[in-house]
Amino acid sequence: AAETVEERYLVQTDRFTHFALSAAQ
């Protein structure tokens, strides 16, 4: 997830949201 999502979002979200942020981008 760190390849596509900023650290400030990673630390406050779960894996399912990491998927969503990456897929949305």
mmCIF file of all heavy atoms, coordinates in Angstrom:
data_MODEL
# 
_entry.id   MODEL 
# 
loop_
_atom_site.group_PDB 
_atom_site.id 
_atom_site.type_symbol 
_atom_site.label_atom_id 
_atom_site.label_alt_id 
_atom_site.label_comp_id 
_atom_site.label_asym_id 
_atom_site.label_entity_id 
_atom_site.label_seq_id 
_atom_site.pdbx_PDB_ins_code 
_atom_site.Cartn_x 
_atom_site.Cartn_y 
_atom_site.Cartn_z 
_atom_site.occupancy 
_atom_site.B_iso_or_equiv 
_atom_site.pdbx_formal_charge 
_atom_site.auth_seq_id 
_atom_site.auth_comp_id 
_atom_site.auth_asym_id 
_atom_site.auth_atom_id 
_atom_site.pdbx_PDB_model_num 
ATOM 1   N N   . ALA A 1 1  ? 0.817   -1.213 0.000   1.00 0.00 ? 1  ALA A N   1 
ATOM 2   C CA  . ALA A 1 1  ? 0.000   0.000  0.000   1.00 0.00 ? 1  ALA A CA  1 
ATOM 3   C C   . ALA A 1 1  ? 0.849   1.261  0.000   1.00 0.00 ? 1  ALA A C   1 
ATOM 4   O O   . ALA A 1 1  ? 0.441   2.302  -0.533  1.00 0.00 ? 1  ALA A O   1 
ATOM 5   C CB  . ALA A 1 1  ? -0.931  -0.003 1.215   1.00 0.00 ? 1  ALA A CB  1 
ATOM 6   N N   . ALA A 1 2  ? 2.036   1.184  0.589   1.00 0.00 ? 2  ALA A N   1 
ATOM 7   C CA  . ALA A 1 2  ? 2.902   2.360  0.679   1.00 0.00 ? 2  ALA A CA  1 
ATOM 8   C C   . ALA A 1 2  ? 3.340   2.868  -0.695  1.00 0.00 ? 2  ALA A C   1 
ATOM 9   O O   . ALA A 1 2  ? 3.776   4.015  -0.826  1.00 0.00 ? 2  ALA A O   1 
ATOM 10  C CB  . ALA A 1 2  ? 4.132   2.041  1.527   1.00 0.00 ? 2  ALA A CB  1 
ATOM 11  N N   . GLU A 1 3  ? 3.241   2.039  -1.704  1.00 0.00 ? 3  GLU A N   1 
ATOM 12  C CA  . GLU A 1 3  ? 3.632   2.461  -3.051  1.00 0.00 ? 3  GLU A CA  1 
ATOM 13  C C   . GLU A 1 3  ? 2.640   3.442  -3.652  1.00 0.00 ? 3  GLU A C   1 
ATOM 14  O O   . GLU A 1 3  ? 2.976   4.204  -4.560  1.00 0.00 ? 3  GLU A O   1 
ATOM 15  C CB  . GLU A 1 3  ? 3.772   1.244  -3.962  1.00 0.00 ? 3  GLU A CB  1 
ATOM 16  C CG  . GLU A 1 3  ? 4.931   0.326  -3.585  1.00 0.00 ? 3  GLU A CG  1 
ATOM 17  C CD  . GLU A 1 3  ? 5.033   -0.860 -4.528  1.00 0.00 ? 3  GLU A CD  1 
ATOM 18  O OE1 . GLU A 1 3  ? 4.152   -0.997 -5.401  1.00 0.00 ? 3  GLU A OE1 1 
ATOM 19  O OE2 . GLU A 1 3  ? 5.989   -1.639 -4.389  1.00 0.00 ? 3  GLU A OE2 1 
ATOM 20  N N   . THR A 1 4  ? 1.382   3.416  -3.170  1.00 0.00 ? 4  THR A N   1 
ATOM 21  C CA  . THR A 1 4  ? 0.351   4.260  -3.781  1.00 0.00 ? 4  THR A CA  1 
ATOM 22  C C   . THR A 1 4  ? -0.397  5.137  -2.785  1.00 0.00 ? 4  THR A C   1 
ATOM 23  O O   . THR A 1 4  ? -1.133  6.027  -3.195  1.00 0.00 ? 4  THR A O   1 
ATOM 24  C CB  . THR A 1 4  ? -0.681  3.393  -4.531  1.00 0.00 ? 4  THR A CB  1 
ATOM 25  O OG1 . THR A 1 4  ? -1.216  2.418  -3.629  1.00 0.00 ? 4  THR A OG1 1 
ATOM 26  C CG2 . THR A 1 4  ? -0.052  2.685  -5.713  1.00 0.00 ? 4  THR A CG2 1 
ATOM 27  N N   . VAL A 1 5  ? -0.225  4.869  -1.488  1.00 0.00 ? 5  VAL A N   1 
ATOM 28  C CA  . VAL A 1 5  ? -0.991  5.599  -0.474  1.00 0.00 ? 5  VAL A CA  1 
ATOM 29  C C   . VAL A 1 5  ? -0.033  6.290  0.495   1.00 0.00 ? 5  VAL A C   1 
ATOM 30  O O   . VAL A 1 5  ? 0.922   5.677  0.984   1.00 0.00 ? 5  VAL A O   1 
ATOM 31  C CB  . VAL A 1 5  ? -1.929  4.653  0.304   1.00 0.00 ? 5  VAL A CB  1 
ATOM 32  C CG1 . VAL A 1 5  ? -2.731  5.426  1.333   1.00 0.00 ? 5  VAL A CG1 1 
ATOM 33  C CG2 . VAL A 1 5  ? -2.861  3.915  -0.655  1.00 0.00 ? 5  VAL A CG2 1 
ATOM 34  N N   . GLU A 1 6  ? -0.309  7.551  0.786   1.00 0.00 ? 6  GLU A N   1 
ATOM 35  C CA  . GLU A 1 6  ? 0.534   8.327  1.689   1.00 0.00 ? 6  GLU A CA  1 
ATOM 36  C C   . GLU A 1 6  ? 0.490   7.763  3.105   1.00 0.00 ? 6  GLU A C   1 
ATOM 37  O O   . GLU A 1 6  ? -0.512  7.223  3.559   1.00 0.00 ? 6  GLU A O   1 
ATOM 38  C CB  . GLU A 1 6  ? 0.087   9.793  1.720   1.00 0.00 ? 6  GLU A CB  1 
ATOM 39  C CG  . GLU A 1 6  ? 0.114   10.474 0.364   1.00 0.00 ? 6  GLU A CG  1 
ATOM 40  C CD  . GLU A 1 6  ? -1.189  10.344 -0.400  1.00 0.00 ? 6  GLU A CD  1 
ATOM 41  O OE1 . GLU A 1 6  ? -1.873  9.301  -0.233  1.00 0.00 ? 6  GLU A OE1 1 
ATOM 42  O OE2 . GLU A 1 6  ? -1.530  11.260 -1.151  1.00 0.00 ? 6  GLU A OE2 1 
ATOM 43  N N   . GLU A 1 7  ? 1.590   7.949  3.839   1.00 0.00 ? 7  GLU A N   1 
ATOM 44  C CA  . GLU A 1 7  ? 1.727   7.409  5.183   1.00 0.00 ? 7  GLU A CA  1 
ATOM 45  C C   . GLU A 1 7  ? 0.608   7.893  6.110   1.00 0.00 ? 7  GLU A C   1 
ATOM 46  O O   . GLU A 1 7  ? 0.105   7.132  6.932   1.00 0.00 ? 7  GLU A O   1 
ATOM 47  C CB  . GLU A 1 7  ? 3.085   7.817  5.759   1.00 0.00 ? 7  GLU A CB  1 
ATOM 48  C CG  . GLU A 1 7  ? 3.317   7.384  7.209   1.00 0.00 ? 7  GLU A CG  1 
ATOM 49  C CD  . GLU A 1 7  ? 3.407   5.873  7.381   1.00 0.00 ? 7  GLU A CD  1 
ATOM 50  O OE1 . GLU A 1 7  ? 3.637   5.169  6.367   1.00 0.00 ? 7  GLU A OE1 1 
ATOM 51  O OE2 . GLU A 1 7  ? 3.261   5.414  8.525   1.00 0.00 ? 7  GLU A OE2 1 
ATOM 52  N N   . ARG A 1 8  ? 0.191   9.128  5.990   1.00 0.00 ? 8  ARG A N   1 
ATOM 53  C CA  . ARG A 1 8  ? -0.820  9.656  6.911   1.00 0.00 ? 8  ARG A CA  1 
ATOM 54  C C   . ARG A 1 8  ? -2.156  8.952  6.745   1.00 0.00 ? 8  ARG A C   1 
ATOM 55  O O   . ARG A 1 8  ? -2.949  8.910  7.685   1.00 0.00 ? 8  ARG A O   1 
ATOM 56  C CB  . ARG A 1 8  ? -0.983  11.168 6.723   1.00 0.00 ? 8  ARG A CB  1 
ATOM 57  C CG  . ARG A 1 8  ? -1.533  11.620 5.381   1.00 0.00 ? 8  ARG A CG  1 
ATOM 58  C CD  . ARG A 1 8  ? -1.386  13.134 5.252   1.00 0.00 ? 8  ARG A CD  1 
ATOM 59  N NE  . ARG A 1 8  ? -1.853  13.650 3.984   1.00 0.00 ? 8  ARG A NE  1 
ATOM 60  C CZ  . ARG A 1 8  ? -3.011  14.279 3.820   1.00 0.00 ? 8  ARG A CZ  1 
ATOM 61  N NH1 . ARG A 1 8  ? -3.817  14.457 4.856   1.00 0.00 ? 8  ARG A NH1 1 
ATOM 62  N NH2 . ARG A 1 8  ? -3.367  14.738 2.641   1.00 0.00 ? 8  ARG A NH2 1 
ATOM 63  N N   . TYR A 1 9  ? -2.408  8.394  5.569   1.00 0.00 ? 9  TYR A N   1 
ATOM 64  C CA  . TYR A 1 9  ? -3.631  7.613  5.389   1.00 0.00 ? 9  TYR A CA  1 
ATOM 65  C C   . TYR A 1 9  ? -3.425  6.162  5.809   1.00 0.00 ? 9  TYR A C   1 
ATOM 66  O O   . TYR A 1 9  ? -4.342  5.514  6.330   1.00 0.00 ? 9  TYR A O   1 
ATOM 67  C CB  . TYR A 1 9  ? -4.089  7.673  3.936   1.00 0.00 ? 9  TYR A CB  1 
ATOM 68  C CG  . TYR A 1 9  ? -4.550  9.050  3.518   1.00 0.00 ? 9  TYR A CG  1 
ATOM 69  C CD1 . TYR A 1 9  ? -3.783  9.818  2.647   1.00 0.00 ? 9  TYR A CD1 1 
ATOM 70  C CD2 . TYR A 1 9  ? -5.733  9.602  4.006   1.00 0.00 ? 9  TYR A CD2 1 
ATOM 71  C CE1 . TYR A 1 9  ? -4.181  11.085 2.268   1.00 0.00 ? 9  TYR A CE1 1 
ATOM 72  C CE2 . TYR A 1 9  ? -6.146  10.875 3.636   1.00 0.00 ? 9  TYR A CE2 1 
ATOM 73  C CZ  . TYR A 1 9  ? -5.367  11.616 2.763   1.00 0.00 ? 9  TYR A CZ  1 
ATOM 74  O OH  . TYR A 1 9  ? -5.756  12.877 2.407   1.00 0.00 ? 9  TYR A OH  1 
ATOM 75  N N   . LEU A 1 10 ? -2.229  5.652  5.595   1.00 0.00 ? 10 LEU A N   1 
ATOM 76  C CA  . LEU A 1 10 ? -1.961  4.257  5.938   1.00 0.00 ? 10 LEU A CA  1 
ATOM 77  C C   . LEU A 1 10 ? -2.122  3.996  7.427   1.00 0.00 ? 10 LEU A C   1 
ATOM 78  O O   . LEU A 1 10 ? -2.702  2.988  7.837   1.00 0.00 ? 10 LEU A O   1 
ATOM 79  C CB  . LEU A 1 10 ? -0.550  3.866  5.505   1.00 0.00 ? 10 LEU A CB  1 
ATOM 80  C CG  . LEU A 1 10 ? -0.273  3.773  4.004   1.00 0.00 ? 10 LEU A CG  1 
ATOM 81  C CD1 . LEU A 1 10 ? 1.179   3.383  3.769   1.00 0.00 ? 10 LEU A CD1 1 
ATOM 82  C CD2 . LEU A 1 10 ? -1.206  2.765  3.346   1.00 0.00 ? 10 LEU A CD2 1 
ATOM 83  N N   . VAL A 1 11 ? -1.636  4.898  8.256   1.00 0.00 ? 11 VAL A N   1 
ATOM 84  C CA  . VAL A 1 11 ? -1.613  4.638  9.696   1.00 0.00 ? 11 VAL A CA  1 
ATOM 85  C C   . VAL A 1 11 ? -2.997  4.709  10.324  1.00 0.00 ? 11 VAL A C   1 
ATOM 86  O O   . VAL A 1 11 ? -3.201  4.204  11.432  1.00 0.00 ? 11 VAL A O   1 
ATOM 87  C CB  . VAL A 1 11 ? -0.670  5.615  10.418  1.00 0.00 ? 11 VAL A CB  1 
ATOM 88  C CG1 . VAL A 1 11 ? 0.743   5.446  9.906   1.00 0.00 ? 11 VAL A CG1 1 
ATOM 89  C CG2 . VAL A 1 11 ? -1.132  7.069  10.273  1.00 0.00 ? 11 VAL A CG2 1 
ATOM 90  N N   . GLN A 1 12 ? -3.950  5.317  9.641   1.00 0.00 ? 12 GLN A N   1 
ATOM 91  C CA  . GLN A 1 12 ? -5.268  5.465  10.240  1.00 0.00 ? 12 GLN A CA  1 
ATOM 92  C C   . GLN A 1 12 ? -6.334  4.607  9.556   1.00 0.00 ? 12 GLN A C   1 
ATOM 93  O O   . GLN A 1 12 ? -7.518  4.770  9.819   1.00 0.00 ? 12 GLN A O   1 
ATOM 94  C CB  . GLN A 1 12 ? -5.700  6.939  10.214  1.00 0.00 ? 12 GLN A CB  1 
ATOM 95  C CG  . GLN A 1 12 ? -5.713  7.584  8.835   1.00 0.00 ? 12 GLN A CG  1 
ATOM 96  C CD  . GLN A 1 12 ? -6.017  9.071  8.884   1.00 0.00 ? 12 GLN A CD  1 
ATOM 97  O OE1 . GLN A 1 12 ? -7.173  9.469  8.951   1.00 0.00 ? 12 GLN A OE1 1 
ATOM 98  N NE2 . GLN A 1 12 ? -4.976  9.888  8.889   1.00 0.00 ? 12 GLN A NE2 1 
ATOM 99  N N   . THR A 1 13 ? -5.896  3.683  8.711   1.00 0.00 ? 13 THR A N   1 
ATOM 100 C CA  . THR A 1 13 ? -6.860  2.866  7.972   1.00 0.00 ? 13 THR A CA  1 
ATOM 101 C C   . THR A 1 13 ? -6.471  1.400  7.967   1.00 0.00 ? 13 THR A C   1 
ATOM 102 O O   . THR A 1 13 ? -5.304  1.036  8.160   1.00 0.00 ? 13 THR A O   1 
ATOM 103 C CB  . THR A 1 13 ? -6.981  3.361  6.511   1.00 0.00 ? 13 THR A CB  1 
ATOM 104 O OG1 . THR A 1 13 ? -5.670  3.417  5.921   1.00 0.00 ? 13 THR A OG1 1 
ATOM 105 C CG2 . THR A 1 13 ? -7.611  4.729  6.444   1.00 0.00 ? 13 THR A CG2 1 
ATOM 106 N N   . ASP A 1 14 ? -7.454  0.558  7.713   1.00 0.00 ? 14 ASP A N   1 
ATOM 107 C CA  . ASP A 1 14 ? -7.277  -0.886 7.644   1.00 0.00 ? 14 ASP A CA  1 
ATOM 108 C C   . ASP A 1 14 ? -6.930  -1.312 6.215   1.00 0.00 ? 14 ASP A C   1 
ATOM 109 O O   . ASP A 1 14 ? -7.035  -0.531 5.262   1.00 0.00 ? 14 ASP A O   1 
ATOM 110 C CB  . ASP A 1 14 ? -8.575  -1.565 8.099   1.00 0.00 ? 14 ASP A CB  1 
ATOM 111 C CG  . ASP A 1 14 ? -8.498  -3.076 8.053   1.00 0.00 ? 14 ASP A CG  1 
ATOM 112 O OD1 . ASP A 1 14 ? -7.945  -3.667 8.996   1.00 0.00 ? 14 ASP A OD1 1 
ATOM 113 O OD2 . ASP A 1 14 ? -8.980  -3.666 7.061   1.00 0.00 ? 14 ASP A OD2 1 
ATOM 114 N N   . ARG A 1 15 ? -6.573  -2.560 6.089   1.00 0.00 ? 15 ARG A N   1 
ATOM 115 C CA  . ARG A 1 15 ? -6.192  -3.127 4.787   1.00 0.00 ? 15 ARG A CA  1 
ATOM 116 C C   . ARG A 1 15 ? -7.307  -2.960 3.751   1.00 0.00 ? 15 ARG A C   1 
ATOM 117 O O   . ARG A 1 15 ? -7.024  -2.680 2.585   1.00 0.00 ? 15 ARG A O   1 
ATOM 118 C CB  . ARG A 1 15 ? -5.836  -4.606 4.965   1.00 0.00 ? 15 ARG A CB  1 
ATOM 119 C CG  . ARG A 1 15 ? -5.304  -5.309 3.714   1.00 0.00 ? 15 ARG A CG  1 
ATOM 120 C CD  . ARG A 1 15 ? -4.839  -6.717 4.092   1.00 0.00 ? 15 ARG A CD  1 
ATOM 121 N NE  . ARG A 1 15 ? -4.496  -7.563 2.967   1.00 0.00 ? 15 ARG A NE  1 
ATOM 122 C CZ  . ARG A 1 15 ? -3.286  -7.595 2.373   1.00 0.00 ? 15 ARG A CZ  1 
ATOM 123 N NH1 . ARG A 1 15 ? -2.331  -6.806 2.802   1.00 0.00 ? 15 ARG A NH1 1 
ATOM 124 N NH2 . ARG A 1 15 ? -3.044  -8.423 1.370   1.00 0.00 ? 15 ARG A NH2 1 
ATOM 125 N N   . PHE A 1 16 ? -8.574  -3.097 4.160   1.00 0.00 ? 16 PHE A N   1 
ATOM 126 C CA  . PHE A 1 16 ? -9.642  -2.984 3.163   1.00 0.00 ? 16 PHE A CA  1 
ATOM 127 C C   . PHE A 1 16 ? -9.716  -1.565 2.604   1.00 0.00 ? 16 PHE A C   1 
ATOM 128 O O   . PHE A 1 16 ? -10.057 -1.363 1.424   1.00 0.00 ? 16 PHE A O   1 
ATOM 129 C CB  . PHE A 1 16 ? -10.985 -3.450 3.738   1.00 0.00 ? 16 PHE A CB  1 
ATOM 130 C CG  . PHE A 1 16 ? -11.819 -2.403 4.424   1.00 0.00 ? 16 PHE A CG  1 
ATOM 131 C CD1 . PHE A 1 16 ? -12.974 -1.902 3.822   1.00 0.00 ? 16 PHE A CD1 1 
ATOM 132 C CD2 . PHE A 1 16 ? -11.492 -1.948 5.691   1.00 0.00 ? 16 PHE A CD2 1 
ATOM 133 C CE1 . PHE A 1 16 ? -13.764 -0.970 4.472   1.00 0.00 ? 16 PHE A CE1 1 
ATOM 134 C CE2 . PHE A 1 16 ? -12.287 -1.031 6.352   1.00 0.00 ? 16 PHE A CE2 1 
ATOM 135 C CZ  . PHE A 1 16 ? -13.430 -0.524 5.735   1.00 0.00 ? 16 PHE A CZ  1 
ATOM 136 N N   . THR A 1 17 ? -9.365  -0.569 3.409   1.00 0.00 ? 17 THR A N   1 
ATOM 137 C CA  . THR A 1 17 ? -9.331  0.804  2.914   1.00 0.00 ? 17 THR A CA  1 
ATOM 138 C C   . THR A 1 17 ? -8.063  1.068  2.113   1.00 0.00 ? 17 THR A C   1 
ATOM 139 O O   . THR A 1 17 ? -8.075  1.859  1.161   1.00 0.00 ? 17 THR A O   1 
ATOM 140 C CB  . THR A 1 17 ? -9.469  1.800  4.080   1.00 0.00 ? 17 THR A CB  1 
ATOM 141 O OG1 . THR A 1 17 ? -10.712 1.554  4.751   1.00 0.00 ? 17 THR A OG1 1 
ATOM 142 C CG2 . THR A 1 17 ? -9.461  3.236  3.585   1.00 0.00 ? 17 THR A CG2 1 
ATOM 143 N N   . HIS A 1 18 ? -6.960  0.410  2.458   1.00 0.00 ? 18 HIS A N   1 
ATOM 144 C CA  . HIS A 1 18 ? -5.756  0.502  1.619   1.00 0.00 ? 18 HIS A CA  1 
ATOM 145 C C   . HIS A 1 18 ? -6.090  0.030  0.201   1.00 0.00 ? 18 HIS A C   1 
ATOM 146 O O   . HIS A 1 18 ? -5.684  0.661  -0.787  1.00 0.00 ? 18 HIS A O   1 
ATOM 147 C CB  . HIS A 1 18 ? -4.627  -0.354 2.178   1.00 0.00 ? 18 HIS A CB  1 
ATOM 148 C CG  . HIS A 1 18 ? -4.192  0.056  3.551   1.00 0.00 ? 18 HIS A CG  1 
ATOM 149 N ND1 . HIS A 1 18 ? -3.350  -0.730 4.329   1.00 0.00 ? 18 HIS A ND1 1 
ATOM 150 C CD2 . HIS A 1 18 ? -4.458  1.151  4.302   1.00 0.00 ? 18 HIS A CD2 1 
ATOM 151 C CE1 . HIS A 1 18 ? -3.125  -0.125 5.472   1.00 0.00 ? 18 HIS A CE1 1 
ATOM 152 N NE2 . HIS A 1 18 ? -3.790  1.011  5.497   1.00 0.00 ? 18 HIS A NE2 1 
ATOM 153 N N   . PHE A 1 19 ? -6.817  -1.083 0.117   1.00 0.00 ? 19 PHE A N   1 
ATOM 154 C CA  . PHE A 1 19 ? -7.238  -1.574 -1.198  1.00 0.00 ? 19 PHE A CA  1 
ATOM 155 C C   . PHE A 1 19 ? -8.085  -0.519 -1.914  1.00 0.00 ? 19 PHE A C   1 
ATOM 156 O O   . PHE A 1 19 ? -7.923  -0.270 -3.113  1.00 0.00 ? 19 PHE A O   1 
ATOM 157 C CB  . PHE A 1 19 ? -8.072  -2.850 -1.052  1.00 0.00 ? 19 PHE A CB  1 
ATOM 158 C CG  . PHE A 1 19 ? -7.307  -4.067 -0.621  1.00 0.00 ? 19 PHE A CG  1 
ATOM 159 C CD1 . PHE A 1 19 ? -7.947  -5.092 0.079   1.00 0.00 ? 19 PHE A CD1 1 
ATOM 160 C CD2 . PHE A 1 19 ? -5.964  -4.236 -0.922  1.00 0.00 ? 19 PHE A CD2 1 
ATOM 161 C CE1 . PHE A 1 19 ? -7.269  -6.226 0.472   1.00 0.00 ? 19 PHE A CE1 1 
ATOM 162 C CE2 . PHE A 1 19 ? -5.267  -5.372 -0.531  1.00 0.00 ? 19 PHE A CE2 1 
ATOM 163 C CZ  . PHE A 1 19 ? -5.926  -6.373 0.170   1.00 0.00 ? 19 PHE A CZ  1 
ATOM 164 N N   . ALA A 1 20 ? -9.026  0.085  -1.180  1.00 0.00 ? 20 ALA A N   1 
ATOM 165 C CA  . ALA A 1 20 ? -9.939  1.055  -1.790  1.00 0.00 ? 20 ALA A CA  1 
ATOM 166 C C   . ALA A 1 20 ? -9.199  2.291  -2.283  1.00 0.00 ? 20 ALA A C   1 
ATOM 167 O O   . ALA A 1 20 ? -9.467  2.792  -3.388  1.00 0.00 ? 20 ALA A O   1 
ATOM 168 C CB  . ALA A 1 20 ? -11.023 1.447  -0.791  1.00 0.00 ? 20 ALA A CB  1 
ATOM 169 N N   . LEU A 1 21 ? -8.283  2.809  -1.467  1.00 0.00 ? 21 LEU A N   1 
ATOM 170 C CA  . LEU A 1 21 ? -7.520  3.978  -1.880  1.00 0.00 ? 21 LEU A CA  1 
ATOM 171 C C   . LEU A 1 21 ? -6.684  3.685  -3.123  1.00 0.00 ? 21 LEU A C   1 
ATOM 172 O O   . LEU A 1 21 ? -6.607  4.504  -4.052  1.00 0.00 ? 21 LEU A O   1 
ATOM 173 C CB  . LEU A 1 21 ? -6.622  4.444  -0.731  1.00 0.00 ? 21 LEU A CB  1 
ATOM 174 C CG  . LEU A 1 21 ? -7.342  5.074  0.469   1.00 0.00 ? 21 LEU A CG  1 
ATOM 175 C CD1 . LEU A 1 21 ? -6.409  5.150  1.673   1.00 0.00 ? 21 LEU A CD1 1 
ATOM 176 C CD2 . LEU A 1 21 ? -7.877  6.458  0.110   1.00 0.00 ? 21 LEU A CD2 1 
ATOM 177 N N   . SER A 1 22 ? -6.065  2.516  -3.159  1.00 0.00 ? 22 SER A N   1 
ATOM 178 C CA  . SER A 1 22 ? -5.248  2.142  -4.317  1.00 0.00 ? 22 SER A CA  1 
ATOM 179 C C   . SER A 1 22 ? -6.104  1.916  -5.551  1.00 0.00 ? 22 SER A C   1 
ATOM 180 O O   . SER A 1 22 ? -5.772  2.400  -6.650  1.00 0.00 ? 22 SER A O   1 
ATOM 181 C CB  . SER A 1 22 ? -4.443  0.878  -3.992  1.00 0.00 ? 22 SER A CB  1 
ATOM 182 O OG  . SER A 1 22 ? -3.533  1.104  -2.937  1.00 0.00 ? 22 SER A OG  1 
ATOM 183 N N   . ALA A 1 23 ? -7.206  1.181  -5.396  1.00 0.00 ? 23 ALA A N   1 
ATOM 184 C CA  . ALA A 1 23 ? -8.086  0.913  -6.544  1.00 0.00 ? 23 ALA A CA  1 
ATOM 185 C C   . ALA A 1 23 ? -8.724  2.193  -7.064  1.00 0.00 ? 23 ALA A C   1 
ATOM 186 O O   . ALA A 1 23 ? -8.904  2.360  -8.279  1.00 0.00 ? 23 ALA A O   1 
ATOM 187 C CB  . ALA A 1 23 ? -9.156  -0.102 -6.148  1.00 0.00 ? 23 ALA A CB  1 
ATOM 188 N N   . ALA A 1 24 ? -9.076  3.111  -6.160  1.00 0.00 ? 24 ALA A N   1 
ATOM 189 C CA  . ALA A 1 24 ? -9.663  4.379  -6.587  1.00 0.00 ? 24 ALA A CA  1 
ATOM 190 C C   . ALA A 1 24 ? -8.677  5.178  -7.436  1.00 0.00 ? 24 ALA A C   1 
ATOM 191 O O   . ALA A 1 24 ? -9.046  5.758  -8.462  1.00 0.00 ? 24 ALA A O   1 
ATOM 192 C CB  . ALA A 1 24 ? -10.107 5.186  -5.374  1.00 0.00 ? 24 ALA A CB  1 
ATOM 193 N N   . GLN A 1 25 ? -7.422  5.207  -7.006  1.00 0.00 ? 25 GLN A N   1 
ATOM 194 C CA  . GLN A 1 25 ? -6.425  5.943  -7.783  1.00 0.00 ? 25 GLN A CA  1 
ATOM 195 C C   . GLN A 1 25 ? -6.198  5.279  -9.139  1.00 0.00 ? 25 GLN A C   1 
ATOM 196 O O   . GLN A 1 25 ? -6.057  5.971  -10.155 1.00 0.00 ? 25 GLN A O   1 
ATOM 197 C CB  . GLN A 1 25 ? -5.109  6.026  -7.015  1.00 0.00 ? 25 GLN A CB  1 
ATOM 198 C CG  . GLN A 1 25 ? -4.102  6.977  -7.666  1.00 0.00 ? 25 GLN A CG  1 
ATOM 199 C CD  . GLN A 1 25 ? -4.655  8.381  -7.804  1.00 0.00 ? 25 GLN A CD  1 
ATOM 200 O OE1 . GLN A 1 25 ? -5.082  8.991  -6.826  1.00 0.00 ? 25 GLN A OE1 1 
ATOM 201 N NE2 . GLN A 1 25 ? -4.675  8.901  -9.033  1.00 0.00 ? 25 GLN A NE2 1 
# 
